Each structure stands twice: as C-alpha cells, then as structure tokens.
Amino acid sequence: KSGGVYLYSNQLGCDGGRLYYDGCALICDNGNVLAQGAQFSMDEVEVVTARVDLSRTRSMRGSFMSRCEQVATVPVVPRVTVNFKLCQASPFTFASDPIQLRVHDPMQEIALGP
C-alpha cells in the first residue's frame, strides 16, 4: 500500500517439534509479487531472483502526502556519486513482471508436508 521492495525468506524443514517451515521465499515490489519460491521443496538451496525498479518505488513512496510531510522534517541524506554501475544499461533491462501468487489449499499442504 505504501510502496517498497519486500524480500521474504523462510526456513525449510522441521524444528524438532510440531512446527514445519515450508521454505517459500517471495520478492514483492509496490504490492506486486515478482517472484515466488517453491513450497515444501526437497532442494537444499533455492535461489529466487527478480529485477526491481528502485526509481519507480521511490516515486510511488513520494506520491503519498503523509510521507511528504514527514520527509520535510528529516535532514537530507547525501547521495554518493560513483563512476561505475551495478548493472549494464540496456533497453531490454526492465523490472520483472508481476506473477500470480501461488497458495496451496490445506489438503495440498498436508500432502506436501512431512
């Protein structure tokens, strides 16, 4: 609702008691799910990646009047300019498209769990 990039990771497996972690990871941007990992995967490691547009997120956050009032009272954070880029400039480099969130129903979770 208020804009931002959200990265969520979850443990995988049992804690030794009655709790079981499904291992599902998420990457969200401005309320949209960009990437989702597999639930109850048998892989030891799963890497979930997505491209996000930080300037779009910053623009969305700046569009809320309540944030404008708060920002006006905070000291300016200095920007540091460097002579390199973290990624290559390309007309084909876009943020990842949103995907539909996959949620198992209770019976599927029981079937996939331990």
N, C-alpha and C. Protein backbone atom coordinates (compact mmCIF):
# COMPACT_ATOMS: atom_id res chain seq x y z
N LYS A 1 0.81 -1.19 0.00
CA LYS A 1 0.00 0.00 0.00
C LYS A 1 0.85 1.26 0.00
N SER A 2 1.99 1.22 0.67
CA SER A 2 2.79 2.43 0.77
C SER A 2 4.06 2.36 -0.07
N GLY A 3 4.19 1.36 -0.91
CA GLY A 3 5.35 1.25 -1.77
C GLY A 3 6.56 0.69 -1.05
N GLY A 4 7.33 -0.08 -1.75
CA GLY A 4 8.54 -0.64 -1.18
C GLY A 4 8.87 -1.97 -1.82
N VAL A 5 10.10 -2.40 -1.61
CA VAL A 5 10.56 -3.71 -2.08
C VAL A 5 10.63 -4.60 -0.85
N TYR A 6 10.03 -5.77 -0.95
CA TYR A 6 9.93 -6.68 0.17
C TYR A 6 10.55 -8.02 -0.22
N LEU A 7 11.55 -8.45 0.51
CA LEU A 7 12.19 -9.75 0.29
C LEU A 7 11.90 -10.62 1.50
N TYR A 8 11.34 -11.79 1.26
CA TYR A 8 10.95 -12.67 2.34
C TYR A 8 11.58 -14.04 2.11
N SER A 9 12.25 -14.54 3.11
CA SER A 9 12.78 -15.90 3.03
C SER A 9 12.28 -16.68 4.23
N ASN A 10 12.13 -17.97 4.06
CA ASN A 10 11.59 -18.81 5.11
C ASN A 10 12.48 -20.04 5.27
N GLN A 11 12.55 -20.53 6.47
CA GLN A 11 13.31 -21.76 6.71
C GLN A 11 12.60 -22.94 6.06
N LEU A 12 13.33 -24.01 5.93
CA LEU A 12 12.79 -25.23 5.35
C LEU A 12 13.00 -26.39 6.31
N GLY A 13 11.94 -27.12 6.60
CA GLY A 13 12.06 -28.32 7.43
C GLY A 13 11.42 -28.16 8.80
N CYS A 14 11.70 -29.14 9.66
CA CYS A 14 11.10 -29.18 11.00
C CYS A 14 12.00 -28.52 12.03
N ASP A 15 11.39 -28.07 13.11
CA ASP A 15 12.16 -27.51 14.22
C ASP A 15 12.37 -28.54 15.33
N GLY A 16 11.93 -29.76 15.09
CA GLY A 16 12.06 -30.80 16.11
C GLY A 16 10.80 -31.00 16.91
N GLY A 17 9.86 -30.10 16.76
CA GLY A 17 8.59 -30.20 17.46
C GLY A 17 7.46 -30.37 16.46
N ARG A 18 6.41 -29.60 16.64
CA ARG A 18 5.25 -29.72 15.77
C ARG A 18 5.24 -28.68 14.65
N LEU A 19 6.27 -27.85 14.58
CA LEU A 19 6.32 -26.77 13.61
C LEU A 19 7.09 -27.20 12.37
N TYR A 20 6.56 -26.92 11.19
CA TYR A 20 7.21 -27.26 9.93
C TYR A 20 7.24 -26.01 9.05
N TYR A 21 8.43 -25.64 8.58
CA TYR A 21 8.60 -24.48 7.71
C TYR A 21 8.53 -24.91 6.25
N ASP A 22 7.77 -24.17 5.45
CA ASP A 22 7.58 -24.58 4.05
C ASP A 22 8.69 -24.12 3.12
N GLY A 23 9.54 -23.18 3.53
CA GLY A 23 10.68 -22.77 2.71
C GLY A 23 10.34 -21.85 1.57
N CYS A 24 9.16 -21.30 1.53
CA CYS A 24 8.74 -20.46 0.41
C CYS A 24 9.32 -19.04 0.56
N ALA A 25 9.99 -18.56 -0.48
CA ALA A 25 10.55 -17.22 -0.50
C ALA A 25 9.75 -16.35 -1.46
N LEU A 26 9.70 -15.05 -1.19
CA LEU A 26 8.95 -14.11 -2.02
C LEU A 26 9.77 -12.85 -2.28
N ILE A 27 9.55 -12.26 -3.45
CA ILE A 27 10.06 -10.92 -3.75
C ILE A 27 8.87 -10.12 -4.24
N CYS A 28 8.57 -9.02 -3.54
CA CYS A 28 7.44 -8.16 -3.89
C CYS A 28 7.94 -6.74 -4.11
N ASP A 29 7.25 -6.02 -4.99
CA ASP A 29 7.59 -4.63 -5.29
C ASP A 29 6.30 -3.84 -5.44
N ASN A 30 6.12 -2.84 -4.59
CA ASN A 30 4.94 -1.97 -4.64
C ASN A 30 3.63 -2.76 -4.63
N GLY A 31 3.56 -3.79 -3.82
CA GLY A 31 2.34 -4.58 -3.69
C GLY A 31 2.16 -5.69 -4.70
N ASN A 32 3.11 -5.86 -5.63
CA ASN A 32 3.02 -6.93 -6.64
C ASN A 32 4.04 -8.02 -6.33
N VAL A 33 3.64 -9.27 -6.48
CA VAL A 33 4.56 -10.39 -6.30
C VAL A 33 5.34 -10.55 -7.60
N LEU A 34 6.68 -10.44 -7.52
CA LEU A 34 7.53 -10.57 -8.69
C LEU A 34 8.11 -11.97 -8.83
N ALA A 35 8.36 -12.62 -7.72
CA ALA A 35 8.93 -13.97 -7.76
C ALA A 35 8.53 -14.71 -6.49
N GLN A 36 8.35 -16.02 -6.64
CA GLN A 36 7.97 -16.86 -5.51
C GLN A 36 8.69 -18.19 -5.63
N GLY A 37 9.25 -18.63 -4.52
CA GLY A 37 9.92 -19.92 -4.50
C GLY A 37 8.91 -21.05 -4.32
N ALA A 38 9.42 -22.26 -4.41
CA ALA A 38 8.57 -23.43 -4.25
C ALA A 38 8.31 -23.70 -2.77
N GLN A 39 7.09 -24.11 -2.45
CA GLN A 39 6.78 -24.52 -1.09
C GLN A 39 7.09 -26.00 -0.94
N PHE A 40 7.61 -26.38 0.21
CA PHE A 40 7.90 -27.77 0.55
C PHE A 40 8.84 -28.43 -0.45
N SER A 41 9.81 -27.68 -0.95
CA SER A 41 10.78 -28.21 -1.90
C SER A 41 11.72 -29.18 -1.20
N MET A 42 12.24 -30.14 -1.94
CA MET A 42 13.20 -31.08 -1.38
C MET A 42 14.64 -30.64 -1.65
N ASP A 43 14.81 -29.52 -2.36
CA ASP A 43 16.14 -29.00 -2.64
C ASP A 43 16.73 -28.35 -1.38
N GLU A 44 18.04 -28.50 -1.20
CA GLU A 44 18.68 -27.88 -0.03
C GLU A 44 18.76 -26.37 -0.18
N VAL A 45 18.97 -25.90 -1.40
CA VAL A 45 19.10 -24.47 -1.66
C VAL A 45 18.21 -24.10 -2.83
N GLU A 46 17.50 -23.00 -2.69
CA GLU A 46 16.70 -22.47 -3.79
C GLU A 46 16.95 -20.97 -3.87
N VAL A 47 17.31 -20.51 -5.04
CA VAL A 47 17.60 -19.09 -5.25
C VAL A 47 16.44 -18.48 -6.03
N VAL A 48 15.86 -17.42 -5.49
CA VAL A 48 14.75 -16.72 -6.14
C VAL A 48 15.26 -15.33 -6.51
N THR A 49 15.10 -14.94 -7.78
CA THR A 49 15.59 -13.63 -8.22
C THR A 49 14.49 -12.87 -8.94
N ALA A 50 14.61 -11.55 -8.93
CA ALA A 50 13.71 -10.66 -9.67
C ALA A 50 14.43 -9.33 -9.87
N ARG A 51 14.04 -8.62 -10.90
CA ARG A 51 14.57 -7.28 -11.16
C ARG A 51 13.55 -6.26 -10.66
N VAL A 52 14.00 -5.29 -9.89
CA VAL A 52 13.11 -4.25 -9.37
C VAL A 52 13.59 -2.89 -9.86
N ASP A 53 12.65 -1.98 -10.02
CA ASP A 53 12.95 -0.61 -10.43
C ASP A 53 12.87 0.27 -9.19
N LEU A 54 14.01 0.59 -8.62
CA LEU A 54 14.03 1.37 -7.38
C LEU A 54 13.52 2.79 -7.59
N SER A 55 13.71 3.36 -8.78
CA SER A 55 13.20 4.72 -9.01
C SER A 55 11.68 4.72 -9.04
N ARG A 56 11.07 3.65 -9.53
CA ARG A 56 9.60 3.55 -9.52
C ARG A 56 9.09 3.43 -8.08
N THR A 57 9.80 2.66 -7.26
CA THR A 57 9.42 2.52 -5.86
C THR A 57 9.56 3.85 -5.13
N ARG A 58 10.64 4.55 -5.38
CA ARG A 58 10.84 5.85 -4.75
C ARG A 58 9.77 6.84 -5.19
N SER A 59 9.40 6.81 -6.46
CA SER A 59 8.36 7.69 -6.97
C SER A 59 7.02 7.39 -6.31
N MET A 60 6.71 6.11 -6.14
CA MET A 60 5.44 5.74 -5.51
C MET A 60 5.39 6.21 -4.06
N ARG A 61 6.50 6.03 -3.36
CA ARG A 61 6.54 6.46 -1.96
C ARG A 61 6.39 7.97 -1.84
N GLY A 62 6.94 8.70 -2.79
CA GLY A 62 6.86 10.15 -2.76
C GLY A 62 5.48 10.69 -3.10
N SER A 63 4.62 9.83 -3.64
CA SER A 63 3.29 10.29 -4.04
C SER A 63 2.31 10.37 -2.87
N PHE A 64 2.68 9.87 -1.71
CA PHE A 64 1.79 9.90 -0.55
C PHE A 64 2.02 11.19 0.23
N MET A 65 0.96 11.94 0.44
CA MET A 65 1.07 13.22 1.13
C MET A 65 1.59 13.06 2.56
N SER A 66 1.21 11.98 3.23
CA SER A 66 1.67 11.80 4.61
C SER A 66 3.19 11.65 4.64
N ARG A 67 3.76 11.00 3.64
CA ARG A 67 5.22 10.87 3.60
C ARG A 67 5.88 12.20 3.28
N CYS A 68 5.25 13.02 2.45
CA CYS A 68 5.83 14.32 2.11
C CYS A 68 5.99 15.18 3.35
N GLU A 69 5.01 15.14 4.23
CA GLU A 69 5.07 15.92 5.46
C GLU A 69 6.19 15.42 6.37
N GLN A 70 6.35 14.10 6.45
CA GLN A 70 7.41 13.53 7.27
C GLN A 70 8.78 13.83 6.69
N VAL A 71 8.91 13.72 5.38
CA VAL A 71 10.20 13.92 4.73
C VAL A 71 10.66 15.36 4.87
N ALA A 72 9.73 16.30 4.91
CA ALA A 72 10.09 17.71 5.02
C ALA A 72 10.80 18.02 6.34
N THR A 73 10.61 17.21 7.35
CA THR A 73 11.21 17.47 8.66
C THR A 73 12.49 16.68 8.92
N VAL A 74 12.88 15.83 7.97
CA VAL A 74 14.04 14.96 8.15
C VAL A 74 15.23 15.56 7.39
N PRO A 75 16.44 15.50 7.96
CA PRO A 75 17.60 16.01 7.22
C PRO A 75 17.83 15.20 5.93
N VAL A 76 18.35 15.89 4.94
CA VAL A 76 18.60 15.26 3.64
C VAL A 76 19.75 14.27 3.75
N VAL A 77 19.56 13.08 3.19
CA VAL A 77 20.61 12.07 3.15
C VAL A 77 21.47 12.35 1.93
N PRO A 78 22.78 12.50 2.10
CA PRO A 78 23.62 12.82 0.94
C PRO A 78 23.71 11.64 -0.02
N ARG A 79 23.75 11.95 -1.31
CA ARG A 79 23.94 10.93 -2.33
C ARG A 79 25.42 10.87 -2.69
N VAL A 80 25.90 9.67 -2.90
CA VAL A 80 27.30 9.47 -3.27
C VAL A 80 27.33 9.08 -4.74
N THR A 81 28.05 9.83 -5.54
CA THR A 81 28.18 9.54 -6.97
C THR A 81 29.45 8.74 -7.19
N VAL A 82 29.34 7.67 -7.94
CA VAL A 82 30.49 6.82 -8.26
C VAL A 82 30.60 6.69 -9.78
N ASN A 83 31.75 6.29 -10.26
CA ASN A 83 31.97 6.20 -11.71
C ASN A 83 31.79 4.78 -12.24
N PHE A 84 30.94 3.99 -11.62
CA PHE A 84 30.63 2.65 -12.12
C PHE A 84 29.15 2.37 -11.91
N LYS A 85 28.66 1.34 -12.59
CA LYS A 85 27.26 0.96 -12.47
C LYS A 85 27.18 -0.49 -12.00
N LEU A 86 26.13 -0.78 -11.25
CA LEU A 86 25.94 -2.14 -10.76
C LEU A 86 25.38 -3.06 -11.84
N CYS A 87 24.76 -2.49 -12.86
CA CYS A 87 24.23 -3.29 -13.95
C CYS A 87 24.45 -2.53 -15.25
N GLN A 88 24.37 -3.25 -16.35
CA GLN A 88 24.58 -2.64 -17.65
C GLN A 88 23.32 -1.91 -18.09
N ALA A 89 23.50 -0.75 -18.69
CA ALA A 89 22.36 -0.02 -19.25
C ALA A 89 21.96 -0.70 -20.55
N SER A 90 20.71 -1.07 -20.66
CA SER A 90 20.23 -1.77 -21.84
C SER A 90 18.76 -1.44 -22.02
N PRO A 91 18.32 -1.27 -23.27
CA PRO A 91 16.89 -1.02 -23.48
C PRO A 91 16.04 -2.24 -23.14
N PHE A 92 16.67 -3.38 -22.95
CA PHE A 92 15.94 -4.61 -22.65
C PHE A 92 15.93 -4.95 -21.17
N THR A 93 16.50 -4.07 -20.34
CA THR A 93 16.52 -4.30 -18.90
C THR A 93 15.31 -3.63 -18.27
N PHE A 94 14.33 -4.42 -17.91
CA PHE A 94 13.11 -3.92 -17.29
C PHE A 94 12.91 -4.64 -15.97
N ALA A 95 12.07 -4.07 -15.14
CA ALA A 95 11.70 -4.75 -13.90
C ALA A 95 10.91 -6.01 -14.24
N SER A 96 10.99 -6.99 -13.38
CA SER A 96 10.25 -8.24 -13.59
C SER A 96 8.76 -7.98 -13.60
N ASP A 97 8.03 -8.73 -14.41
CA ASP A 97 6.58 -8.60 -14.46
C ASP A 97 5.96 -9.29 -13.24
N PRO A 98 4.86 -8.74 -12.73
CA PRO A 98 4.18 -9.39 -11.59
C PRO A 98 3.66 -10.77 -11.98
N ILE A 99 3.62 -11.66 -11.00
CA ILE A 99 3.09 -13.01 -11.21
C ILE A 99 1.90 -13.22 -10.26
N GLN A 100 1.14 -14.25 -10.53
CA GLN A 100 0.03 -14.61 -9.65
C GLN A 100 0.58 -15.40 -8.47
N LEU A 101 0.21 -15.01 -7.26
CA LEU A 101 0.66 -15.69 -6.06
C LEU A 101 0.09 -17.10 -6.02
N ARG A 102 0.96 -18.09 -5.78
CA ARG A 102 0.53 -19.49 -5.68
C ARG A 102 0.36 -19.84 -4.21
N VAL A 103 -0.83 -20.26 -3.83
CA VAL A 103 -1.11 -20.64 -2.44
C VAL A 103 -1.76 -22.02 -2.46
N HIS A 104 -1.17 -22.95 -1.69
CA HIS A 104 -1.75 -24.29 -1.59
C HIS A 104 -2.97 -24.28 -0.69
N ASP A 105 -3.95 -25.10 -1.03
CA ASP A 105 -5.06 -25.25 -0.10
C ASP A 105 -4.62 -26.22 1.00
N PRO A 106 -5.35 -26.31 2.11
CA PRO A 106 -4.92 -27.14 3.25
C PRO A 106 -4.62 -28.60 2.88
N MET A 107 -5.40 -29.19 2.00
CA MET A 107 -5.16 -30.60 1.63
C MET A 107 -3.86 -30.76 0.86
N GLN A 108 -3.50 -29.81 0.01
CA GLN A 108 -2.23 -29.87 -0.70
C GLN A 108 -1.07 -29.70 0.27
N GLU A 109 -1.21 -28.82 1.25
CA GLU A 109 -0.16 -28.65 2.24
C GLU A 109 0.08 -29.92 3.04
N ILE A 110 -1.00 -30.59 3.39
CA ILE A 110 -0.86 -31.86 4.13
C ILE A 110 -0.15 -32.89 3.28
N ALA A 111 -0.48 -32.94 1.98
CA ALA A 111 0.12 -33.92 1.09
C ALA A 111 1.61 -33.62 0.85
N LEU A 112 1.99 -32.34 0.81
CA LEU A 112 3.37 -31.96 0.54
C LEU A 112 4.23 -31.94 1.78
N GLY A 113 3.64 -31.81 2.95
CA GLY A 113 4.40 -31.73 4.20
C GLY A 113 5.05 -33.05 4.57
N PRO A 114 5.71 -33.10 5.73
CA PRO A 114 6.43 -34.32 6.13
C PRO A 114 5.52 -35.49 6.46
